[in-house]
mmCIF file of all heavy atoms, coordinates in Angstrom:
data_MODEL
# 
_entry.id   MODEL 
# 
loop_
_atom_site.group_PDB 
_atom_site.id 
_atom_site.type_symbol 
_atom_site.label_atom_id 
_atom_site.label_alt_id 
_atom_site.label_comp_id 
_atom_site.label_asym_id 
_atom_site.label_entity_id 
_atom_site.label_seq_id 
_atom_site.pdbx_PDB_ins_code 
_atom_site.Cartn_x 
_atom_site.Cartn_y 
_atom_site.Cartn_z 
_atom_site.occupancy 
_atom_site.B_iso_or_equiv 
_atom_site.pdbx_formal_charge 
_atom_site.auth_seq_id 
_atom_site.auth_comp_id 
_atom_site.auth_asym_id 
_atom_site.auth_atom_id 
_atom_site.pdbx_PDB_model_num 
ATOM 1   N N   . TYR A 1 1  ? 95.778  139.779 106.396 1.00 0.00 ? 1  TYR A N   1 
ATOM 2   C CA  . TYR A 1 1  ? 95.087  139.327 105.175 1.00 0.00 ? 1  TYR A CA  1 
ATOM 3   C C   . TYR A 1 1  ? 95.840  138.000 104.592 1.00 0.00 ? 1  TYR A C   1 
ATOM 4   O O   . TYR A 1 1  ? 96.975  137.975 104.526 1.00 0.00 ? 1  TYR A O   1 
ATOM 5   C CB  . TYR A 1 1  ? 95.152  140.405 104.079 1.00 0.00 ? 1  TYR A CB  1 
ATOM 6   C CG  . TYR A 1 1  ? 94.178  141.494 104.365 1.00 0.00 ? 1  TYR A CG  1 
ATOM 7   C CD1 . TYR A 1 1  ? 94.345  142.442 105.374 1.00 0.00 ? 1  TYR A CD1 1 
ATOM 8   C CD2 . TYR A 1 1  ? 93.079  141.677 103.553 1.00 0.00 ? 1  TYR A CD2 1 
ATOM 9   C CE1 . TYR A 1 1  ? 93.455  143.500 105.681 1.00 0.00 ? 1  TYR A CE1 1 
ATOM 10  C CE2 . TYR A 1 1  ? 92.190  142.712 103.816 1.00 0.00 ? 1  TYR A CE2 1 
ATOM 11  C CZ  . TYR A 1 1  ? 92.384  143.605 104.852 1.00 0.00 ? 1  TYR A CZ  1 
ATOM 12  O OH  . TYR A 1 1  ? 91.434  144.590 105.072 1.00 0.00 ? 1  TYR A OH  1 
ATOM 13  N N   . TYR A 1 2  ? 94.983  137.060 104.278 1.00 0.00 ? 2  TYR A N   1 
ATOM 14  C CA  . TYR A 1 2  ? 95.373  135.735 103.849 1.00 0.00 ? 2  TYR A CA  1 
ATOM 15  C C   . TYR A 1 2  ? 94.755  135.542 102.484 1.00 0.00 ? 2  TYR A C   1 
ATOM 16  O O   . TYR A 1 2  ? 93.607  135.473 102.269 1.00 0.00 ? 2  TYR A O   1 
ATOM 17  C CB  . TYR A 1 2  ? 95.042  134.650 104.730 1.00 0.00 ? 2  TYR A CB  1 
ATOM 18  C CG  . TYR A 1 2  ? 95.505  134.726 106.203 1.00 0.00 ? 2  TYR A CG  1 
ATOM 19  C CD1 . TYR A 1 2  ? 94.769  135.478 107.173 1.00 0.00 ? 2  TYR A CD1 1 
ATOM 20  C CD2 . TYR A 1 2  ? 96.760  134.136 106.549 1.00 0.00 ? 2  TYR A CD2 1 
ATOM 21  C CE1 . TYR A 1 2  ? 95.304  135.538 108.448 1.00 0.00 ? 2  TYR A CE1 1 
ATOM 22  C CE2 . TYR A 1 2  ? 97.091  134.124 107.841 1.00 0.00 ? 2  TYR A CE2 1 
ATOM 23  C CZ  . TYR A 1 2  ? 96.412  134.826 108.827 1.00 0.00 ? 2  TYR A CZ  1 
ATOM 24  O OH  . TYR A 1 2  ? 97.033  134.929 110.038 1.00 0.00 ? 2  TYR A OH  1 
ATOM 25  N N   . CYS A 1 3  ? 95.633  135.158 101.548 1.00 0.00 ? 3  CYS A N   1 
ATOM 26  C CA  . CYS A 1 3  ? 95.218  134.776 100.239 1.00 0.00 ? 3  CYS A CA  1 
ATOM 27  C C   . CYS A 1 3  ? 95.034  133.267 100.320 1.00 0.00 ? 3  CYS A C   1 
ATOM 28  O O   . CYS A 1 3  ? 95.597  132.585 101.101 1.00 0.00 ? 3  CYS A O   1 
ATOM 29  C CB  . CYS A 1 3  ? 96.206  135.092 99.096  1.00 0.00 ? 3  CYS A CB  1 
ATOM 30  S SG  . CYS A 1 3  ? 97.749  134.333 99.021  1.00 0.00 ? 3  CYS A SG  1 
ATOM 31  N N   . TYR A 1 4  ? 94.108  132.779 99.374  1.00 0.00 ? 4  TYR A N   1 
ATOM 32  C CA  . TYR A 1 4  ? 93.979  131.404 99.299  1.00 0.00 ? 4  TYR A CA  1 
ATOM 33  C C   . TYR A 1 4  ? 93.701  130.976 97.839  1.00 0.00 ? 4  TYR A C   1 
ATOM 34  O O   . TYR A 1 4  ? 93.323  131.882 97.004  1.00 0.00 ? 4  TYR A O   1 
ATOM 35  C CB  . TYR A 1 4  ? 92.737  130.830 100.185 1.00 0.00 ? 4  TYR A CB  1 
ATOM 36  C CG  . TYR A 1 4  ? 91.375  131.158 99.620  1.00 0.00 ? 4  TYR A CG  1 
ATOM 37  C CD1 . TYR A 1 4  ? 90.807  130.172 98.713  1.00 0.00 ? 4  TYR A CD1 1 
ATOM 38  C CD2 . TYR A 1 4  ? 90.714  132.363 99.813  1.00 0.00 ? 4  TYR A CD2 1 
ATOM 39  C CE1 . TYR A 1 4  ? 89.530  130.496 98.222  1.00 0.00 ? 4  TYR A CE1 1 
ATOM 40  C CE2 . TYR A 1 4  ? 89.463  132.571 99.312  1.00 0.00 ? 4  TYR A CE2 1 
ATOM 41  C CZ  . TYR A 1 4  ? 88.829  131.707 98.527  1.00 0.00 ? 4  TYR A CZ  1 
ATOM 42  O OH  . TYR A 1 4  ? 87.542  131.891 97.921  1.00 0.00 ? 4  TYR A OH  1 
ATOM 43  N N   . ALA A 1 5  ? 93.891  129.783 97.494  1.00 0.00 ? 5  ALA A N   1 
ATOM 44  C CA  . ALA A 1 5  ? 93.574  129.352 96.119  1.00 0.00 ? 5  ALA A CA  1 
ATOM 45  C C   . ALA A 1 5  ? 93.211  127.925 96.128  1.00 0.00 ? 5  ALA A C   1 
ATOM 46  O O   . ALA A 1 5  ? 93.911  127.183 97.014  1.00 0.00 ? 5  ALA A O   1 
ATOM 47  C CB  . ALA A 1 5  ? 94.784  129.572 95.225  1.00 0.00 ? 5  ALA A CB  1 
ATOM 48  N N   . THR A 1 6  ? 92.306  127.536 95.371  1.00 0.00 ? 6  THR A N   1 
ATOM 49  C CA  . THR A 1 6  ? 91.913  126.084 95.315  1.00 0.00 ? 6  THR A CA  1 
ATOM 50  C C   . THR A 1 6  ? 92.605  125.546 94.071  1.00 0.00 ? 6  THR A C   1 
ATOM 51  O O   . THR A 1 6  ? 92.435  125.940 92.915  1.00 0.00 ? 6  THR A O   1 
ATOM 52  C CB  . THR A 1 6  ? 90.438  126.027 95.149  1.00 0.00 ? 6  THR A CB  1 
ATOM 53  O OG1 . THR A 1 6  ? 89.736  126.604 96.253  1.00 0.00 ? 6  THR A OG1 1 
ATOM 54  C CG2 . THR A 1 6  ? 89.992  124.479 95.094  1.00 0.00 ? 6  THR A CG2 1 
ATOM 55  N N   . VAL A 1 7  ? 93.517  124.566 94.289  1.00 0.00 ? 7  VAL A N   1 
ATOM 56  C CA  . VAL A 1 7  ? 94.603  124.174 93.381  1.00 0.00 ? 7  VAL A CA  1 
ATOM 57  C C   . VAL A 1 7  ? 94.540  122.713 93.116  1.00 0.00 ? 7  VAL A C   1 
ATOM 58  O O   . VAL A 1 7  ? 94.441  121.903 94.025  1.00 0.00 ? 7  VAL A O   1 
ATOM 59  C CB  . VAL A 1 7  ? 95.985  124.695 93.851  1.00 0.00 ? 7  VAL A CB  1 
ATOM 60  C CG1 . VAL A 1 7  ? 97.056  124.248 92.885  1.00 0.00 ? 7  VAL A CG1 1 
ATOM 61  C CG2 . VAL A 1 7  ? 95.889  126.190 94.039  1.00 0.00 ? 7  VAL A CG2 1 
ATOM 62  N N   . ARG A 1 8  ? 94.787  122.305 91.900  1.00 0.00 ? 8  ARG A N   1 
ATOM 63  C CA  . ARG A 1 8  ? 95.253  120.978 91.602  1.00 0.00 ? 8  ARG A CA  1 
ATOM 64  C C   . ARG A 1 8  ? 96.711  120.981 91.235  1.00 0.00 ? 8  ARG A C   1 
ATOM 65  O O   . ARG A 1 8  ? 97.183  121.705 90.443  1.00 0.00 ? 8  ARG A O   1 
ATOM 66  C CB  . ARG A 1 8  ? 94.473  120.386 90.367  1.00 0.00 ? 8  ARG A CB  1 
ATOM 67  C CG  . ARG A 1 8  ? 92.913  120.309 90.534  1.00 0.00 ? 8  ARG A CG  1 
ATOM 68  C CD  . ARG A 1 8  ? 92.246  119.781 89.355  1.00 0.00 ? 8  ARG A CD  1 
ATOM 69  N NE  . ARG A 1 8  ? 92.467  118.318 89.195  1.00 0.00 ? 8  ARG A NE  1 
ATOM 70  C CZ  . ARG A 1 8  ? 92.011  117.694 88.134  1.00 0.00 ? 8  ARG A CZ  1 
ATOM 71  N NH1 . ARG A 1 8  ? 91.293  118.248 87.204  1.00 0.00 ? 8  ARG A NH1 1 
ATOM 72  N NH2 . ARG A 1 8  ? 92.362  116.388 87.997  1.00 0.00 ? 8  ARG A NH2 1 
ATOM 73  N N   . SER A 1 9  ? 97.483  120.133 91.933  1.00 0.00 ? 9  SER A N   1 
ATOM 74  C CA  . SER A 1 9  ? 98.875  120.110 91.694  1.00 0.00 ? 9  SER A CA  1 
ATOM 75  C C   . SER A 1 9  ? 99.299  119.242 90.558  1.00 0.00 ? 9  SER A C   1 
ATOM 76  O O   . SER A 1 9  ? 100.294 119.421 89.991  1.00 0.00 ? 9  SER A O   1 
ATOM 77  C CB  . SER A 1 9  ? 99.680  119.666 92.872  1.00 0.00 ? 9  SER A CB  1 
ATOM 78  O OG  . SER A 1 9  ? 99.125  118.449 93.425  1.00 0.00 ? 9  SER A OG  1 
ATOM 79  N N   . SER A 1 10 ? 98.333  118.385 90.131  1.00 0.00 ? 10 SER A N   1 
ATOM 80  C CA  . SER A 1 10 ? 98.430  117.586 88.852  1.00 0.00 ? 10 SER A CA  1 
ATOM 81  C C   . SER A 1 10 ? 97.030  117.124 88.419  1.00 0.00 ? 10 SER A C   1 
ATOM 82  O O   . SER A 1 10 ? 96.066  117.263 89.249  1.00 0.00 ? 10 SER A O   1 
ATOM 83  C CB  . SER A 1 10 ? 99.401  116.372 89.127  1.00 0.00 ? 10 SER A CB  1 
ATOM 84  O OG  . SER A 1 10 ? 98.795  115.397 89.826  1.00 0.00 ? 10 SER A OG  1 
ATOM 85  N N   . SER A 1 11 ? 97.034  116.606 87.284  1.00 0.00 ? 11 SER A N   1 
ATOM 86  C CA  . SER A 1 11 ? 95.751  116.114 86.774  1.00 0.00 ? 11 SER A CA  1 
ATOM 87  C C   . SER A 1 11 ? 95.316  114.772 87.536  1.00 0.00 ? 11 SER A C   1 
ATOM 88  O O   . SER A 1 11 ? 94.188  114.351 87.415  1.00 0.00 ? 11 SER A O   1 
ATOM 89  C CB  . SER A 1 11 ? 95.870  115.748 85.298  1.00 0.00 ? 11 SER A CB  1 
ATOM 90  O OG  . SER A 1 11 ? 96.742  114.781 85.035  1.00 0.00 ? 11 SER A OG  1 
ATOM 91  N N   . LEU A 1 12 ? 96.076  114.236 88.470  1.00 0.00 ? 12 LEU A N   1 
ATOM 92  C CA  . LEU A 1 12 ? 95.825  113.068 89.163  1.00 0.00 ? 12 LEU A CA  1 
ATOM 93  C C   . LEU A 1 12 ? 95.320  113.292 90.492  1.00 0.00 ? 12 LEU A C   1 
ATOM 94  O O   . LEU A 1 12 ? 94.888  112.317 91.191  1.00 0.00 ? 12 LEU A O   1 
ATOM 95  C CB  . LEU A 1 12 ? 97.106  112.153 89.184  1.00 0.00 ? 12 LEU A CB  1 
ATOM 96  C CG  . LEU A 1 12 ? 97.650  111.671 87.825  1.00 0.00 ? 12 LEU A CG  1 
ATOM 97  C CD1 . LEU A 1 12 ? 98.862  110.880 88.081  1.00 0.00 ? 12 LEU A CD1 1 
ATOM 98  C CD2 . LEU A 1 12 ? 96.684  110.900 86.981  1.00 0.00 ? 12 LEU A CD2 1 
ATOM 99  N N   . GLN A 1 13 ? 95.296  114.540 90.898  1.00 0.00 ? 13 GLN A N   1 
ATOM 100 C CA  . GLN A 1 13 ? 94.937  114.860 92.190  1.00 0.00 ? 13 GLN A CA  1 
ATOM 101 C C   . GLN A 1 13 ? 93.684  115.836 92.248  1.00 0.00 ? 13 GLN A C   1 
ATOM 102 O O   . GLN A 1 13 ? 93.444  116.587 91.351  1.00 0.00 ? 13 GLN A O   1 
ATOM 103 C CB  . GLN A 1 13 ? 96.067  115.640 92.944  1.00 0.00 ? 13 GLN A CB  1 
ATOM 104 C CG  . GLN A 1 13 ? 97.237  114.754 93.188  1.00 0.00 ? 13 GLN A CG  1 
ATOM 105 C CD  . GLN A 1 13 ? 98.340  115.409 93.990  1.00 0.00 ? 13 GLN A CD  1 
ATOM 106 O OE1 . GLN A 1 13 ? 98.700  116.663 93.652  1.00 0.00 ? 13 GLN A OE1 1 
ATOM 107 N NE2 . GLN A 1 13 ? 98.942  114.770 94.905  1.00 0.00 ? 13 GLN A NE2 1 
ATOM 108 N N   . PRO A 1 14 ? 92.873  115.818 93.305  1.00 0.00 ? 14 PRO A N   1 
ATOM 109 C CA  . PRO A 1 14 ? 91.742  116.754 93.371  1.00 0.00 ? 14 PRO A CA  1 
ATOM 110 C C   . PRO A 1 14 ? 92.114  118.169 93.745  1.00 0.00 ? 14 PRO A C   1 
ATOM 111 O O   . PRO A 1 14 ? 93.270  118.345 94.088  1.00 0.00 ? 14 PRO A O   1 
ATOM 112 C CB  . PRO A 1 14 ? 90.923  116.047 94.470  1.00 0.00 ? 14 PRO A CB  1 
ATOM 113 C CG  . PRO A 1 14 ? 91.921  115.504 95.405  1.00 0.00 ? 14 PRO A CG  1 
ATOM 114 C CD  . PRO A 1 14 ? 93.048  114.965 94.480  1.00 0.00 ? 14 PRO A CD  1 
ATOM 115 N N   . TYR A 1 15 ? 91.256  118.997 93.622  1.00 0.00 ? 15 TYR A N   1 
ATOM 116 C CA  . TYR A 1 15 ? 91.408  120.365 94.123  1.00 0.00 ? 15 TYR A CA  1 
ATOM 117 C C   . TYR A 1 15 ? 91.607  120.443 95.624  1.00 0.00 ? 15 TYR A C   1 
ATOM 118 O O   . TYR A 1 15 ? 90.851  119.767 96.418  1.00 0.00 ? 15 TYR A O   1 
ATOM 119 C CB  . TYR A 1 15 ? 90.337  121.359 93.721  1.00 0.00 ? 15 TYR A CB  1 
ATOM 120 C CG  . TYR A 1 15 ? 90.255  121.716 92.231  1.00 0.00 ? 15 TYR A CG  1 
ATOM 121 C CD1 . TYR A 1 15 ? 89.541  121.028 91.295  1.00 0.00 ? 15 TYR A CD1 1 
ATOM 122 C CD2 . TYR A 1 15 ? 91.221  122.714 91.794  1.00 0.00 ? 15 TYR A CD2 1 
ATOM 123 C CE1 . TYR A 1 15 ? 89.517  121.453 90.004  1.00 0.00 ? 15 TYR A CE1 1 
ATOM 124 C CE2 . TYR A 1 15 ? 91.288  123.068 90.475  1.00 0.00 ? 15 TYR A CE2 1 
ATOM 125 C CZ  . TYR A 1 15 ? 90.411  122.493 89.533  1.00 0.00 ? 15 TYR A CZ  1 
ATOM 126 O OH  . TYR A 1 15 ? 90.457  122.871 88.330  1.00 0.00 ? 15 TYR A OH  1 
ATOM 127 N N   . ARG A 1 16 ? 92.522  121.164 96.114  1.00 0.00 ? 16 ARG A N   1 
ATOM 128 C CA  . ARG A 1 16 ? 92.740  121.452 97.516  1.00 0.00 ? 16 ARG A CA  1 
ATOM 129 C C   . ARG A 1 16 ? 92.889  122.961 97.745  1.00 0.00 ? 16 ARG A C   1 
ATOM 130 O O   . ARG A 1 16 ? 93.459  123.600 96.768  1.00 0.00 ? 16 ARG A O   1 
ATOM 131 C CB  . ARG A 1 16 ? 93.946  120.687 98.038  1.00 0.00 ? 16 ARG A CB  1 
ATOM 132 C CG  . ARG A 1 16 ? 93.853  119.178 98.026  1.00 0.00 ? 16 ARG A CG  1 
ATOM 133 C CD  . ARG A 1 16 ? 94.959  118.465 98.724  1.00 0.00 ? 16 ARG A CD  1 
ATOM 134 N NE  . ARG A 1 16 ? 94.851  116.970 98.700  1.00 0.00 ? 16 ARG A NE  1 
ATOM 135 C CZ  . ARG A 1 16 ? 95.753  116.167 99.072  1.00 0.00 ? 16 ARG A CZ  1 
ATOM 136 N NH1 . ARG A 1 16 ? 96.914  116.714 99.695  1.00 0.00 ? 16 ARG A NH1 1 
ATOM 137 N NH2 . ARG A 1 16 ? 95.526  114.933 99.088  1.00 0.00 ? 16 ARG A NH2 1 
ATOM 138 N N   . THR A 1 17 ? 92.629  123.394 98.829  1.00 0.00 ? 17 THR A N   1 
ATOM 139 C CA  . THR A 1 17 ? 92.847  124.814 99.152  1.00 0.00 ? 17 THR A CA  1 
ATOM 140 C C   . THR A 1 17 ? 94.043  125.042 99.971  1.00 0.00 ? 17 THR A C   1 
ATOM 141 O O   . THR A 1 17 ? 94.463  124.351 100.874 1.00 0.00 ? 17 THR A O   1 
ATOM 142 C CB  . THR A 1 17 ? 91.621  125.239 100.048 1.00 0.00 ? 17 THR A CB  1 
ATOM 143 O OG1 . THR A 1 17 ? 90.343  125.108 99.342  1.00 0.00 ? 17 THR A OG1 1 
ATOM 144 C CG2 . THR A 1 17 ? 91.745  126.714 100.495 1.00 0.00 ? 17 THR A CG2 1 
ATOM 145 N N   . TYR A 1 18 ? 94.809  125.986 99.445  1.00 0.00 ? 18 TYR A N   1 
ATOM 146 C CA  . TYR A 1 18 ? 96.120  126.480 100.043 1.00 0.00 ? 18 TYR A CA  1 
ATOM 147 C C   . TYR A 1 18 ? 95.987  127.806 100.439 1.00 0.00 ? 18 TYR A C   1 
ATOM 148 O O   . TYR A 1 18 ? 95.303  128.725 99.967  1.00 0.00 ? 18 TYR A O   1 
ATOM 149 C CB  . TYR A 1 18 ? 97.198  126.162 99.032  1.00 0.00 ? 18 TYR A CB  1 
ATOM 150 C CG  . TYR A 1 18 ? 97.415  124.793 98.680  1.00 0.00 ? 18 TYR A CG  1 
ATOM 151 C CD1 . TYR A 1 18 ? 96.750  124.237 97.683  1.00 0.00 ? 18 TYR A CD1 1 
ATOM 152 C CD2 . TYR A 1 18 ? 98.339  123.936 99.376  1.00 0.00 ? 18 TYR A CD2 1 
ATOM 153 C CE1 . TYR A 1 18 ? 96.917  122.802 97.244  1.00 0.00 ? 18 TYR A CE1 1 
ATOM 154 C CE2 . TYR A 1 18 ? 98.498  122.607 98.992  1.00 0.00 ? 18 TYR A CE2 1 
ATOM 155 C CZ  . TYR A 1 18 ? 97.793  122.090 98.109  1.00 0.00 ? 18 TYR A CZ  1 
ATOM 156 O OH  . TYR A 1 18 ? 97.990  120.820 97.654  1.00 0.00 ? 18 TYR A OH  1 
ATOM 157 N N   . TRP A 1 19 ? 96.777  128.158 101.421 1.00 0.00 ? 19 TRP A N   1 
ATOM 158 C CA  . TRP A 1 19 ? 96.848  129.546 102.032 1.00 0.00 ? 19 TRP A CA  1 
ATOM 159 C C   . TRP A 1 19 ? 98.193  130.182 101.913 1.00 0.00 ? 19 TRP A C   1 
ATOM 160 O O   . TRP A 1 19 ? 99.245  129.616 102.079 1.00 0.00 ? 19 TRP A O   1 
ATOM 161 C CB  . TRP A 1 19 ? 96.396  129.402 103.490 1.00 0.00 ? 19 TRP A CB  1 
ATOM 162 C CG  . TRP A 1 19 ? 95.029  128.900 103.814 1.00 0.00 ? 19 TRP A CG  1 
ATOM 163 C CD1 . TRP A 1 19 ? 94.530  127.629 103.752 1.00 0.00 ? 19 TRP A CD1 1 
ATOM 164 C CD2 . TRP A 1 19 ? 93.946  129.742 103.931 1.00 0.00 ? 19 TRP A CD2 1 
ATOM 165 N NE1 . TRP A 1 19 ? 93.256  127.577 103.931 1.00 0.00 ? 19 TRP A NE1 1 
ATOM 166 C CE2 . TRP A 1 19 ? 92.816  128.847 104.016 1.00 0.00 ? 19 TRP A CE2 1 
ATOM 167 C CE3 . TRP A 1 19 ? 93.643  131.140 103.973 1.00 0.00 ? 19 TRP A CE3 1 
ATOM 168 C CZ2 . TRP A 1 19 ? 91.505  129.300 104.235 1.00 0.00 ? 19 TRP A CZ2 1 
ATOM 169 C CZ3 . TRP A 1 19 ? 92.358  131.584 104.145 1.00 0.00 ? 19 TRP A CZ3 1 
ATOM 170 C CH2 . TRP A 1 19 ? 91.380  130.691 104.322 1.00 0.00 ? 19 TRP A CH2 1 
ATOM 171 N N   . GLY A 1 20 ? 98.176  131.488 101.869 1.00 0.00 ? 20 GLY A N   1 
ATOM 172 C CA  . GLY A 1 20 ? 99.325  132.295 101.995 1.00 0.00 ? 20 GLY A CA  1 
ATOM 173 C C   . GLY A 1 20 ? 99.745  132.389 103.418 1.00 0.00 ? 20 GLY A C   1 
ATOM 174 O O   . GLY A 1 20 ? 99.027  132.033 104.315 1.00 0.00 ? 20 GLY A O   1 
ATOM 175 N N   . GLN A 1 21 ? 100.954 133.053 103.668 1.00 0.00 ? 21 GLN A N   1 
ATOM 176 C CA  . GLN A 1 21 ? 101.314 133.101 105.038 1.00 0.00 ? 21 GLN A CA  1 
ATOM 177 C C   . GLN A 1 21 ? 100.794 134.259 105.814 1.00 0.00 ? 21 GLN A C   1 
ATOM 178 O O   . GLN A 1 21 ? 100.916 134.318 107.083 1.00 0.00 ? 21 GLN A O   1 
ATOM 179 C CB  . GLN A 1 21 ? 102.963 133.481 104.934 1.00 0.00 ? 21 GLN A CB  1 
ATOM 180 C CG  . GLN A 1 21 ? 103.437 134.840 104.626 1.00 0.00 ? 21 GLN A CG  1 
ATOM 181 C CD  . GLN A 1 21 ? 103.431 135.220 103.162 1.00 0.00 ? 21 GLN A CD  1 
ATOM 182 O OE1 . GLN A 1 21 ? 102.857 134.427 102.356 1.00 0.00 ? 21 GLN A OE1 1 
ATOM 183 N NE2 . GLN A 1 21 ? 104.038 136.232 102.866 1.00 0.00 ? 21 GLN A NE2 1 
ATOM 184 N N   . GLY A 1 22 ? 100.008 135.142 105.094 1.00 0.00 ? 22 GLY A N   1 
ATOM 185 C CA  . GLY A 1 22 ? 99.364  136.237 105.816 1.00 0.00 ? 22 GLY A CA  1 
ATOM 186 C C   . GLY A 1 22 ? 100.243 137.518 105.838 1.00 0.00 ? 22 GLY A C   1 
ATOM 187 O O   . GLY A 1 22 ? 101.432 137.477 105.924 1.00 0.00 ? 22 GLY A O   1 
ATOM 188 N N   . THR A 1 23 ? 99.670  138.629 105.646 1.00 0.00 ? 23 THR A N   1 
ATOM 189 C CA  . THR A 1 23 ? 100.345 139.861 105.660 1.00 0.00 ? 23 THR A CA  1 
ATOM 190 C C   . THR A 1 23 ? 99.571  140.936 106.391 1.00 0.00 ? 23 THR A C   1 
ATOM 191 O O   . THR A 1 23 ? 98.279  141.017 106.257 1.00 0.00 ? 23 THR A O   1 
ATOM 192 C CB  . THR A 1 23 ? 100.597 140.423 104.318 1.00 0.00 ? 23 THR A CB  1 
ATOM 193 O OG1 . THR A 1 23 ? 101.448 141.607 104.318 1.00 0.00 ? 23 THR A OG1 1 
ATOM 194 C CG2 . THR A 1 23 ? 99.383  140.721 103.498 1.00 0.00 ? 23 THR A CG2 1 
ATOM 195 N N   . GLN A 1 24 ? 100.265 141.628 107.273 1.00 0.00 ? 24 GLN A N   1 
ATOM 196 C CA  . GLN A 1 24 ? 99.566  142.641 108.132 1.00 0.00 ? 24 GLN A CA  1 
ATOM 197 C C   . GLN A 1 24 ? 99.171  143.931 107.368 1.00 0.00 ? 24 GLN A C   1 
ATOM 198 O O   . GLN A 1 24 ? 100.028 144.466 106.761 1.00 0.00 ? 24 GLN A O   1 
ATOM 199 C CB  . GLN A 1 24 ? 100.364 142.966 109.373 1.00 0.00 ? 24 GLN A CB  1 
ATOM 200 C CG  . GLN A 1 24 ? 99.785  144.067 110.226 1.00 0.00 ? 24 GLN A CG  1 
ATOM 201 C CD  . GLN A 1 24 ? 98.606  143.520 111.048 1.00 0.00 ? 24 GLN A CD  1 
ATOM 202 O OE1 . GLN A 1 24 ? 98.585  142.504 111.649 1.00 0.00 ? 24 GLN A OE1 1 
ATOM 203 N NE2 . GLN A 1 24 ? 97.512  144.407 111.041 1.00 0.00 ? 24 GLN A NE2 1 
ATOM 204 N N   . VAL A 1 25 ? 97.996  144.330 107.499 1.00 0.00 ? 25 VAL A N   1 
ATOM 205 C CA  . VAL A 1 25 ? 97.471  145.645 106.978 1.00 0.00 ? 25 VAL A CA  1 
ATOM 206 C C   . VAL A 1 25 ? 97.047  146.415 108.039 1.00 0.00 ? 25 VAL A C   1 
ATOM 207 O O   . VAL A 1 25 ? 96.125  146.055 108.822 1.00 0.00 ? 25 VAL A O   1 
ATOM 208 C CB  . VAL A 1 25 ? 96.377  145.488 105.895 1.00 0.00 ? 25 VAL A CB  1 
ATOM 209 C CG1 . VAL A 1 25 ? 95.930  146.938 105.418 1.00 0.00 ? 25 VAL A CG1 1 
ATOM 210 C CG2 . VAL A 1 25 ? 96.890  144.775 104.710 1.00 0.00 ? 25 VAL A CG2 1 
ATOM 211 N N   . THR A 1 26 ? 97.681  147.516 108.380 1.00 0.00 ? 26 THR A N   1 
ATOM 212 C CA  . THR A 1 26 ? 97.242  148.484 109.500 1.00 0.00 ? 26 THR A CA  1 
ATOM 213 C C   . THR A 1 26 ? 96.864  149.785 108.857 1.00 0.00 ? 26 THR A C   1 
ATOM 214 O O   . THR A 1 26 ? 97.649  150.554 108.114 1.00 0.00 ? 26 THR A O   1 
ATOM 215 C CB  . THR A 1 26 ? 98.370  148.598 110.420 1.00 0.00 ? 26 THR A CB  1 
ATOM 216 O OG1 . THR A 1 26 ? 98.799  147.367 110.979 1.00 0.00 ? 26 THR A OG1 1 
ATOM 217 C CG2 . THR A 1 26 ? 97.883  149.551 111.599 1.00 0.00 ? 26 THR A CG2 1 
ATOM 218 N N   . VAL A 1 27 ? 95.658  150.242 109.228 1.00 0.00 ? 27 VAL A N   1 
ATOM 219 C CA  . VAL A 1 27 ? 95.129  151.528 108.755 1.00 0.00 ? 27 VAL A CA  1 
ATOM 220 C C   . VAL A 1 27 ? 94.998  152.439 109.880 1.00 0.00 ? 27 VAL A C   1 
ATOM 221 O O   . VAL A 1 27 ? 94.166  152.152 110.865 1.00 0.00 ? 27 VAL A O   1 
ATOM 222 C CB  . VAL A 1 27 ? 93.839  151.407 108.020 1.00 0.00 ? 27 VAL A CB  1 
ATOM 223 C CG1 . VAL A 1 27 ? 93.290  152.649 107.467 1.00 0.00 ? 27 VAL A CG1 1 
ATOM 224 C CG2 . VAL A 1 27 ? 93.813  150.343 106.855 1.00 0.00 ? 27 VAL A CG2 1 
# 
Protein backbone atom coordinates (compact mmCIF):
# COMPACT_ATOMS: atom_id res chain seq x y z
CA TYR A 1 0.00 0.00 0.00
CA TYR A 2 1.32 3.39 -1.06
CA CYS A 3 0.04 6.69 0.19
CA TYR A 4 0.20 9.76 -1.98
CA ALA A 5 -0.46 13.43 -1.62
CA THR A 6 -0.66 16.29 -4.04
CA VAL A 7 1.41 18.99 -2.38
CA ARG A 8 2.63 22.52 -2.82
CA SER A 9 5.92 22.98 -1.00
CA SER A 10 5.54 26.75 -1.20
CA SER A 11 3.21 29.35 -2.64
CA LEU A 12 5.68 29.80 -5.50
CA GLN A 13 5.45 26.21 -6.73
CA PRO A 14 2.69 24.19 -8.37
CA TYR A 15 1.09 21.11 -6.90
CA ARG A 16 3.07 17.92 -7.32
CA THR A 17 2.29 14.36 -6.36
CA TYR A 18 4.48 12.64 -3.80
CA TRP A 19 4.51 9.03 -2.68
CA GLY A 20 5.15 7.16 0.51
CA GLN A 21 7.65 4.33 0.65
CA GLY A 22 5.01 1.61 0.65
CA THR A 23 4.00 -0.80 3.38
CA GLN A 24 3.17 -4.48 3.03
CA VAL A 25 -0.26 -5.68 4.08
CA THR A 26 -0.70 -9.43 4.14
CA VAL A 27 -4.07 -11.00 4.87
